[in-house]
Amino acid sequence: MENRTYPALFRKERCGLYSVHFPDLDCAVCGETLDEAMDMAKLALSAWLRKDGMPDPSDLEDVRAKAEKGDLVMLVEEGLENARLAG
């Protein structure tokens, strides 16, 4: 089965953490660094898709158009094998 890719909004919060939100899913995570946030996003995406199914991902440009100033919009590919676990 092919891995799915979804757009995600990455935002550096005032507390220093990076939050990640998937506009197409009811799914959000965070990490202490941008790399850790990406890894957490991959893990969360994989778990969400296994549990709740696979909606069609939004167009990346549509998500960019709705992003707030300072947000990073990146594609996240599901897959536990692609994520580095912290610790």
PDB file of N, CA and C in Angstrom:
ATOM      1  N   MET A   1       0.840  -1.189   0.000  1.00  0.00           N
ATOM      2  CA  MET A   1       0.000   0.000   0.000  1.00  0.00           C
ATOM      3  C   MET A   1       0.886   1.253   0.000  1.00  0.00           C
ATOM      4  N   GLU A   2       0.530   2.189  -0.804  1.00  0.00           N
ATOM      5  CA  GLU A   2       1.302   3.418  -0.951  1.00  0.00           C
ATOM      6  C   GLU A   2       1.041   4.378   0.212  1.00  0.00           C
ATOM      7  N   ASN A   3       2.109   5.023   0.680  1.00  0.00           N
ATOM      8  CA  ASN A   3       1.955   6.023   1.733  1.00  0.00           C
ATOM      9  C   ASN A   3       1.252   7.250   1.182  1.00  0.00           C
ATOM     10  N   ARG A   4       0.431   7.878   2.001  1.00  0.00           N
ATOM     11  CA  ARG A   4      -0.297   9.091   1.623  1.00  0.00           C
ATOM     12  C   ARG A   4       0.461  10.313   2.137  1.00  0.00           C
ATOM     13  N   THR A   5       0.290  11.425   1.453  1.00  0.00           N
ATOM     14  CA  THR A   5       0.936  12.682   1.817  1.00  0.00           C
ATOM     15  C   THR A   5      -0.142  13.741   2.012  1.00  0.00           C
ATOM     16  N   TYR A   6      -0.018  14.502   3.104  1.00  0.00           N
ATOM     17  CA  TYR A   6      -0.993  15.543   3.441  1.00  0.00           C
ATOM     18  C   TYR A   6      -0.278  16.842   3.773  1.00  0.00           C
ATOM     19  N   PRO A   7      -0.879  17.972   3.417  1.00  0.00           N
ATOM     20  CA  PRO A   7      -0.296  19.253   3.805  1.00  0.00           C
ATOM     21  C   PRO A   7      -0.510  19.495   5.297  1.00  0.00           C
ATOM     22  N   ALA A   8       0.471  20.142   5.904  1.00  0.00           N
ATOM     23  CA  ALA A   8       0.396  20.460   7.330  1.00  0.00           C
ATOM     24  C   ALA A   8       0.937  21.862   7.566  1.00  0.00           C
ATOM     25  N   LEU A   9       0.388  22.510   8.583  1.00  0.00           N
ATOM     26  CA  LEU A   9       0.846  23.834   9.000  1.00  0.00           C
ATOM     27  C   LEU A   9       1.757  23.674  10.203  1.00  0.00           C
ATOM     28  N   PHE A  10       2.967  24.178  10.091  1.00  0.00           N
ATOM     29  CA  PHE A  10       3.934  24.166  11.187  1.00  0.00           C
ATOM     30  C   PHE A  10       4.052  25.593  11.702  1.00  0.00           C
ATOM     31  N   ARG A  11       3.971  25.756  13.026  1.00  0.00           N
ATOM     32  CA  ARG A  11       4.031  27.095  13.616  1.00  0.00           C
ATOM     33  C   ARG A  11       4.914  27.068  14.854  1.00  0.00           C
ATOM     34  N   LYS A  12       5.842  28.017  14.933  1.00  0.00           N
ATOM     35  CA  LYS A  12       6.643  28.143  16.146  1.00  0.00           C
ATOM     36  C   LYS A  12       5.816  28.923  17.163  1.00  0.00           C
ATOM     37  N   GLU A  13       5.552  28.286  18.287  1.00  0.00           N
ATOM     38  CA  GLU A  13       4.732  28.886  19.333  1.00  0.00           C
ATOM     39  C   GLU A  13       5.582  29.746  20.262  1.00  0.00           C
ATOM     40  N   ARG A  14       4.938  30.597  21.012  1.00  0.00           N
ATOM     41  CA  ARG A  14       5.646  31.488  21.950  1.00  0.00           C
ATOM     42  C   ARG A  14       6.482  30.718  22.968  1.00  0.00           C
ATOM     43  N   CYS A  15       6.015  29.537  23.335  1.00  0.00           N
ATOM     44  CA  CYS A  15       6.727  28.722  24.328  1.00  0.00           C
ATOM     45  C   CYS A  15       7.976  28.064  23.745  1.00  0.00           C
ATOM     46  N   GLY A  16       8.172  28.185  22.428  1.00  0.00           N
ATOM     47  CA  GLY A  16       9.346  27.615  21.779  1.00  0.00           C
ATOM     48  C   GLY A  16       9.081  26.309  21.059  1.00  0.00           C
ATOM     49  N   LEU A  17       7.948  25.668  21.327  1.00  0.00           N
ATOM     50  CA  LEU A  17       7.606  24.422  20.642  1.00  0.00           C
ATOM     51  C   LEU A  17       7.119  24.706  19.224  1.00  0.00           C
ATOM     52  N   TYR A  18       7.194  23.702  18.386  1.00  0.00           N
ATOM     53  CA  TYR A  18       6.626  23.770  17.042  1.00  0.00           C
ATOM     54  C   TYR A  18       5.337  22.957  17.038  1.00  0.00           C
ATOM     55  N   SER A  19       4.228  23.606  16.717  1.00  0.00           N
ATOM     56  CA  SER A  19       2.961  22.891  16.602  1.00  0.00           C
ATOM     57  C   SER A  19       2.734  22.528  15.140  1.00  0.00           C
ATOM     58  N   VAL A  20       2.014  21.438  14.944  1.00  0.00           N
ATOM     59  CA  VAL A  20       1.698  20.958  13.601  1.00  0.00           C
ATOM     60  C   VAL A  20       0.201  20.668  13.548  1.00  0.00           C
ATOM     61  N   HIS A  21      -0.464  21.204  12.538  1.00  0.00           N
ATOM     62  CA  HIS A  21      -1.891  20.970  12.363  1.00  0.00           C
ATOM     63  C   HIS A  21      -2.141  20.511  10.932  1.00  0.00           C
ATOM     64  N   PHE A  22      -2.921  19.452  10.793  1.00  0.00           N
ATOM     65  CA  PHE A  22      -3.347  18.958   9.486  1.00  0.00           C
ATOM     66  C   PHE A  22      -4.737  19.510   9.194  1.00  0.00           C
ATOM     67  N   PRO A  23      -4.877  20.437   8.252  1.00  0.00           N
ATOM     68  CA  PRO A  23      -6.190  21.015   7.963  1.00  0.00           C
ATOM     69  C   PRO A  23      -7.239  20.002   7.519  1.00  0.00           C
ATOM     70  N   ASP A  24      -6.827  18.900   6.908  1.00  0.00           N
ATOM     71  CA  ASP A  24      -7.771  17.904   6.405  1.00  0.00           C
ATOM     72  C   ASP A  24      -8.228  16.905   7.470  1.00  0.00           C
ATOM     73  N   LEU A  25      -7.559  16.907   8.601  1.00  0.00           N
ATOM     74  CA  LEU A  25      -7.804  15.900   9.628  1.00  0.00           C
ATOM     75  C   LEU A  25      -8.015  16.590  10.978  1.00  0.00           C
ATOM     76  N   ASP A  26      -8.634  15.915  11.882  1.00  0.00           N
ATOM     77  CA  ASP A  26      -8.748  16.415  13.251  1.00  0.00           C
ATOM     78  C   ASP A  26      -7.523  15.912  14.001  1.00  0.00           C
ATOM     79  N   CYS A  27      -6.357  16.463  13.642  1.00  0.00           N
ATOM     80  CA  CYS A  27      -5.094  15.915  14.114  1.00  0.00           C
ATOM     81  C   CYS A  27      -4.084  17.051  14.276  1.00  0.00           C
ATOM     82  N   ALA A  28      -3.467  17.108  15.456  1.00  0.00           N
ATOM     83  CA  ALA A  28      -2.418  18.098  15.722  1.00  0.00           C
ATOM     84  C   ALA A  28      -1.417  17.503  16.702  1.00  0.00           C
ATOM     85  N   VAL A  29      -0.160  17.882  16.541  1.00  0.00           N
ATOM     86  CA  VAL A  29       0.918  17.423  17.425  1.00  0.00           C
ATOM     87  C   VAL A  29       1.910  18.560  17.589  1.00  0.00           C
ATOM     88  N   CYS A  30       2.949  18.328  18.399  1.00  0.00           N
ATOM     89  CA  CYS A  30       4.003  19.336  18.532  1.00  0.00           C
ATOM     90  C   CYS A  30       5.328  18.650  18.816  1.00  0.00           C
ATOM     91  N   GLY A  31       6.400  19.417  18.702  1.00  0.00           N
ATOM     92  CA  GLY A  31       7.736  18.932  18.993  1.00  0.00           C
ATOM     93  C   GLY A  31       8.614  20.071  19.466  1.00  0.00           C
ATOM     94  N   GLU A  32       9.693  19.731  20.125  1.00  0.00           N
ATOM     95  CA  GLU A  32      10.606  20.753  20.645  1.00  0.00           C
ATOM     96  C   GLU A  32      11.420  21.419  19.544  1.00  0.00           C
ATOM     97  N   THR A  33      11.669  20.694  18.460  1.00  0.00           N
ATOM     98  CA  THR A  33      12.392  21.231  17.315  1.00  0.00           C
ATOM     99  C   THR A  33      11.545  20.994  16.065  1.00  0.00           C
ATOM    100  N   LEU A  34      11.912  21.637  14.985  1.00  0.00           N
ATOM    101  CA  LEU A  34      11.181  21.428  13.730  1.00  0.00           C
ATOM    102  C   LEU A  34      11.312  19.974  13.270  1.00  0.00           C
ATOM    103  N   ASP A  35      12.502  19.397  13.405  1.00  0.00           N
ATOM    104  CA  ASP A  35      12.686  17.989  13.029  1.00  0.00           C
ATOM    105  C   ASP A  35      11.821  17.064  13.877  1.00  0.00           C
ATOM    106  N   GLU A  36      11.795  17.315  15.184  1.00  0.00           N
ATOM    107  CA  GLU A  36      10.974  16.490  16.059  1.00  0.00           C
ATOM    108  C   GLU A  36       9.489  16.656  15.735  1.00  0.00           C
ATOM    109  N   ALA A  37       9.072  17.876  15.430  1.00  0.00           N
ATOM    110  CA  ALA A  37       7.677  18.117  15.053  1.00  0.00           C
ATOM    111  C   ALA A  37       7.321  17.347  13.780  1.00  0.00           C
ATOM    112  N   MET A  38       8.214  17.309  12.813  1.00  0.00           N
ATOM    113  CA  MET A  38       7.976  16.554  11.577  1.00  0.00           C
ATOM    114  C   MET A  38       7.858  15.068  11.889  1.00  0.00           C
ATOM    115  N   ASP A  39       8.747  14.554  12.729  1.00  0.00           N
ATOM    116  CA  ASP A  39       8.681  13.141  13.095  1.00  0.00           C
ATOM    117  C   ASP A  39       7.368  12.811  13.805  1.00  0.00           C
ATOM    118  N   MET A  40       6.960  13.662  14.711  1.00  0.00           N
ATOM    119  CA  MET A  40       5.704  13.457  15.429  1.00  0.00           C
ATOM    120  C   MET A  40       4.522  13.533  14.461  1.00  0.00           C
ATOM    121  N   ALA A  41       4.611  14.428  13.494  1.00  0.00           N
ATOM    122  CA  ALA A  41       3.546  14.560  12.499  1.00  0.00           C
ATOM    123  C   ALA A  41       3.416  13.285  11.667  1.00  0.00           C
ATOM    124  N   LYS A  42       4.529  12.702  11.272  1.00  0.00           N
ATOM    125  CA  LYS A  42       4.494  11.449  10.496  1.00  0.00           C
ATOM    126  C   LYS A  42       3.842  10.325  11.291  1.00  0.00           C
ATOM    127  N   LEU A  43       4.226  10.222  12.566  1.00  0.00           N
ATOM    128  CA  LEU A  43       3.658   9.184  13.423  1.00  0.00           C
ATOM    129  C   LEU A  43       2.158   9.404  13.624  1.00  0.00           C
ATOM    130  N   ALA A  44       1.776  10.646  13.913  1.00  0.00           N
ATOM    131  CA  ALA A  44       0.363  10.959  14.144  1.00  0.00           C
ATOM    132  C   ALA A  44      -0.456  10.724  12.878  1.00  0.00           C
ATOM    133  N   LEU A  45       0.074  11.113  11.732  1.00  0.00           N
ATOM    134  CA  LEU A  45      -0.634  10.914  10.469  1.00  0.00           C
ATOM    135  C   LEU A  45      -0.867   9.429  10.213  1.00  0.00           C
ATOM    136  N   SER A  46       0.146   8.625  10.414  1.00  0.00           N
ATOM    137  CA  SER A  46       0.000   7.175  10.215  1.00  0.00           C
ATOM    138  C   SER A  46      -1.077   6.604  11.129  1.00  0.00           C
ATOM    139  N   ALA A  47      -1.037   6.986  12.392  1.00  0.00           N
ATOM    140  CA  ALA A  47      -2.027   6.474  13.350  1.00  0.00           C
ATOM    141  C   ALA A  47      -3.426   6.952  12.993  1.00  0.00           C
ATOM    142  N   TRP A  48      -3.563   8.221  12.621  1.00  0.00           N
ATOM    143  CA  TRP A  48      -4.877   8.778  12.293  1.00  0.00           C
ATOM    144  C   TRP A  48      -5.473   8.071  11.086  1.00  0.00           C
ATOM    145  N   LEU A  49      -4.672   7.878  10.057  1.00  0.00           N
ATOM    146  CA  LEU A  49      -5.178   7.252   8.834  1.00  0.00           C
ATOM    147  C   LEU A  49      -5.567   5.788   9.057  1.00  0.00           C
ATOM    148  N   ARG A  50      -4.850   5.087   9.906  1.00  0.00           N
ATOM    149  CA  ARG A  50      -5.211   3.702  10.222  1.00  0.00           C
ATOM    150  C   ARG A  50      -6.534   3.652  10.985  1.00  0.00           C
ATOM    151  N   LYS A  51      -6.738   4.622  11.860  1.00  0.00           N
ATOM    152  CA  LYS A  51      -7.934   4.630  12.707  1.00  0.00           C
ATOM    153  C   LYS A  51      -9.162   5.178  11.979  1.00  0.00           C
ATOM    154  N   ASP A  52      -9.011   6.296  11.276  1.00  0.00           N
ATOM    155  CA  ASP A  52     -10.159   7.037  10.764  1.00  0.00           C
ATOM    156  C   ASP A  52     -10.290   7.069   9.250  1.00  0.00           C
ATOM    157  N   GLY A  53      -9.438   6.379   8.527  1.00  0.00           N
ATOM    158  CA  GLY A  53      -9.572   6.350   7.073  1.00  0.00           C
ATOM    159  C   GLY A  53      -8.756   7.418   6.374  1.00  0.00           C
ATOM    160  N   MET A  54      -8.920   7.487   5.059  1.00  0.00           N
ATOM    161  CA  MET A  54      -8.086   8.363   4.254  1.00  0.00           C
ATOM    162  C   MET A  54      -8.903   9.346   3.433  1.00  0.00           C
ATOM    163  N   PRO A  55      -9.171  10.520   3.970  1.00  0.00           N
ATOM    164  CA  PRO A  55      -9.822  11.541   3.145  1.00  0.00           C
ATOM    165  C   PRO A  55      -8.847  12.046   2.089  1.00  0.00           C
ATOM    166  N   ASP A  56      -9.367  12.643   1.043  1.00  0.00           N
ATOM    167  CA  ASP A  56      -8.493  13.232   0.031  1.00  0.00           C
ATOM    168  C   ASP A  56      -7.768  14.430   0.621  1.00  0.00           C
ATOM    169  N   PRO A  57      -6.460  14.542   0.381  1.00  0.00           N
ATOM    170  CA  PRO A  57      -5.721  15.697   0.889  1.00  0.00           C
ATOM    171  C   PRO A  57      -6.059  16.968   0.116  1.00  0.00           C
ATOM    172  N   SER A  58      -6.008  18.093   0.807  1.00  0.00           N
ATOM    173  CA  SER A  58      -6.215  19.397   0.168  1.00  0.00           C
ATOM    174  C   SER A  58      -5.052  19.713  -0.754  1.00  0.00           C
ATOM    175  N   ASP A  59      -5.299  20.596  -1.691  1.00  0.00           N
ATOM    176  CA  ASP A  59      -4.252  21.098  -2.563  1.00  0.00           C
ATOM    177  C   ASP A  59      -3.296  21.956  -1.731  1.00  0.00           C
ATOM    178  N   LEU A  60      -2.011  21.754  -1.911  1.00  0.00           N
ATOM    179  CA  LEU A  60      -1.002  22.473  -1.137  1.00  0.00           C
ATOM    180  C   LEU A  60      -1.147  23.985  -1.279  1.00  0.00           C
ATOM    181  N   GLU A  61      -1.434  24.455  -2.458  1.00  0.00           N
ATOM    182  CA  GLU A  61      -1.573  25.902  -2.677  1.00  0.00           C
ATOM    183  C   GLU A  61      -2.795  26.472  -1.964  1.00  0.00           C
ATOM    184  N   ASP A  62      -3.869  25.694  -1.849  1.00  0.00           N
ATOM    185  CA  ASP A  62      -5.042  26.132  -1.099  1.00  0.00           C
ATOM    186  C   ASP A  62      -4.708  26.300   0.383  1.00  0.00           C
ATOM    187  N   VAL A  63      -3.934  25.379   0.913  1.00  0.00           N
ATOM    188  CA  VAL A  63      -3.531  25.464   2.323  1.00  0.00           C
ATOM    189  C   VAL A  63      -2.603  26.657   2.524  1.00  0.00           C
ATOM    190  N   ARG A  64      -1.672  26.871   1.593  1.00  0.00           N
ATOM    191  CA  ARG A  64      -0.772  28.032   1.694  1.00  0.00           C
ATOM    192  C   ARG A  64      -1.558  29.341   1.699  1.00  0.00           C
ATOM    193  N   ALA A  65      -2.600  29.413   0.891  1.00  0.00           N
ATOM    194  CA  ALA A  65      -3.398  30.637   0.799  1.00  0.00           C
ATOM    195  C   ALA A  65      -4.118  30.946   2.107  1.00  0.00           C
ATOM    196  N   LYS A  66      -4.416  29.939   2.897  1.00  0.00           N
ATOM    197  CA  LYS A  66      -5.137  30.123   4.157  1.00  0.00           C
ATOM    198  C   LYS A  66      -4.211  30.196   5.373  1.00  0.00           C
ATOM    199  N   ALA A  67      -2.920  29.964   5.171  1.00  0.00           N
ATOM    200  CA  ALA A  67      -1.972  29.964   6.288  1.00  0.00           C
ATOM    201  C   ALA A  67      -1.794  31.375   6.857  1.00  0.00           C
ATOM    202  N   GLU A  68      -1.489  31.426   8.146  1.00  0.00           N
ATOM    203  CA  GLU A  68      -1.211  32.698   8.789  1.00  0.00           C
ATOM    204  C   GLU A  68       0.243  33.079   8.552  1.00  0.00           C
ATOM    205  N   LYS A  69       0.535  34.353   8.708  1.00  0.00           N
ATOM    206  CA  LYS A  69       1.903  34.836   8.545  1.00  0.00           C
ATOM    207  C   LYS A  69       2.815  34.091   9.521  1.00  0.00           C
ATOM    208  N   GLY A  70       3.914  33.611   9.011  1.00  0.00           N
ATOM    209  CA  GLY A  70       4.875  32.887   9.832  1.00  0.00           C
ATOM    210  C   GLY A  70       4.703  31.377   9.820  1.00  0.00           C
ATOM    211  N   ASP A  71       3.555  30.888   9.338  1.00  0.00           N
ATOM    212  CA  ASP A  71       3.343  29.442   9.252  1.00  0.00           C
ATOM    213  C   ASP A  71       4.201  28.856   8.140  1.00  0.00           C
ATOM    214  N   LEU A  72       4.723  27.677   8.378  1.00  0.00           N
ATOM    215  CA  LEU A  72       5.381  26.898   7.335  1.00  0.00           C
ATOM    216  C   LEU A  72       4.368  25.878   6.855  1.00  0.00           C
ATOM    217  N   VAL A  73       4.189  25.779   5.566  1.00  0.00           N
ATOM    218  CA  VAL A  73       3.282  24.778   5.001  1.00  0.00           C
ATOM    219  C   VAL A  73       4.143  23.740   4.300  1.00  0.00           C
ATOM    220  N   MET A  74       4.048  22.502   4.798  1.00  0.00           N
ATOM    221  CA  MET A  74       4.868  21.428   4.239  1.00  0.00           C
ATOM    222  C   MET A  74       4.025  20.187   4.048  1.00  0.00           C
ATOM    223  N   LEU A  75       4.454  19.350   3.140  1.00  0.00           N
ATOM    224  CA  LEU A  75       3.814  18.060   2.945  1.00  0.00           C
ATOM    225  C   LEU A  75       4.420  17.057   3.924  1.00  0.00           C
ATOM    226  N   VAL A  76       3.560  16.259   4.533  1.00  0.00           N
ATOM    227  CA  VAL A  76       3.993  15.219   5.464  1.00  0.00           C
ATOM    228  C   VAL A  76       3.540  13.887   4.900  1.00  0.00           C
ATOM    229  N   GLU A  77       4.478  12.965   4.790  1.00  0.00           N
ATOM    230  CA  GLU A  77       4.162  11.623   4.314  1.00  0.00           C
ATOM    231  C   GLU A  77       3.998  10.705   5.509  1.00  0.00           C
ATOM    232  N   GLU A  78       2.898   9.975   5.517  1.00  0.00           N
ATOM    233  CA  GLU A  78       2.695   9.017   6.598  1.00  0.00           C
ATOM    234  C   GLU A  78       3.781   7.962   6.536  1.00  0.00           C
ATOM    235  N   GLY A  79       4.013   7.319   7.628  1.00  0.00           N
ATOM    236  CA  GLY A  79       4.949   6.204   7.623  1.00  0.00           C
ATOM    237  C   GLY A  79       5.801   6.148   8.855  1.00  0.00           C
ATOM    238  N   LEU A  80       5.626   5.088   9.621  1.00  0.00           N
ATOM    239  CA  LEU A  80       6.417   4.917  10.825  1.00  0.00           C
ATOM    240  C   LEU A  80       7.886   4.713  10.491  1.00  0.00           C
ATOM    241  N   GLU A  81       8.154   4.078   9.351  1.00  0.00           N
ATOM    242  CA  GLU A  81       9.541   3.801   8.980  1.00  0.00           C
ATOM    243  C   GLU A  81      10.309   5.078   8.635  1.00  0.00           C
ATOM    244  N   ASN A  82       9.611   6.175   8.341  1.00  0.00           N
ATOM    245  CA  ASN A  82      10.267   7.423   7.978  1.00  0.00           C
ATOM    246  C   ASN A  82      10.495   8.340   9.171  1.00  0.00           C
ATOM    247  N   ALA A  83       9.980   7.997  10.320  1.00  0.00           N
ATOM    248  CA  ALA A  83      10.067   8.876  11.489  1.00  0.00           C
ATOM    249  C   ALA A  83      11.188   8.404  12.416  1.00  0.00           C
ATOM    250  N   ARG A  84      11.898   9.374  12.945  1.00  0.00           N
ATOM    251  CA  ARG A  84      12.912   9.099  13.959  1.00  0.00           C
ATOM    252  C   ARG A  84      12.272   9.346  15.311  1.00  0.00           C
ATOM    253  N   LEU A  85      12.324   8.365  16.181  1.00  0.00           N
ATOM    254  CA  LEU A  85      11.737   8.529  17.503  1.00  0.00           C
ATOM    255  C   LEU A  85      12.726   9.208  18.433  1.00  0.00           C
ATOM    256  N   ALA A  86      12.262  10.228  19.138  1.00  0.00           N
ATOM    257  CA  ALA A  86      13.111  10.946  20.095  1.00  0.00           C
ATOM    258  C   ALA A  86      13.300  10.080  21.332  1.00  0.00           C
ATOM    259  N   GLY A  87      14.443  10.297  21.984  1.00  0.00           N
ATOM    260  CA  GLY A  87      14.655   9.630  23.254  1.00  0.00           C
ATOM    261  C   GLY A  87      15.566   8.501  23.089  1.00  0.00           C
TER     262      GLY A  87
END
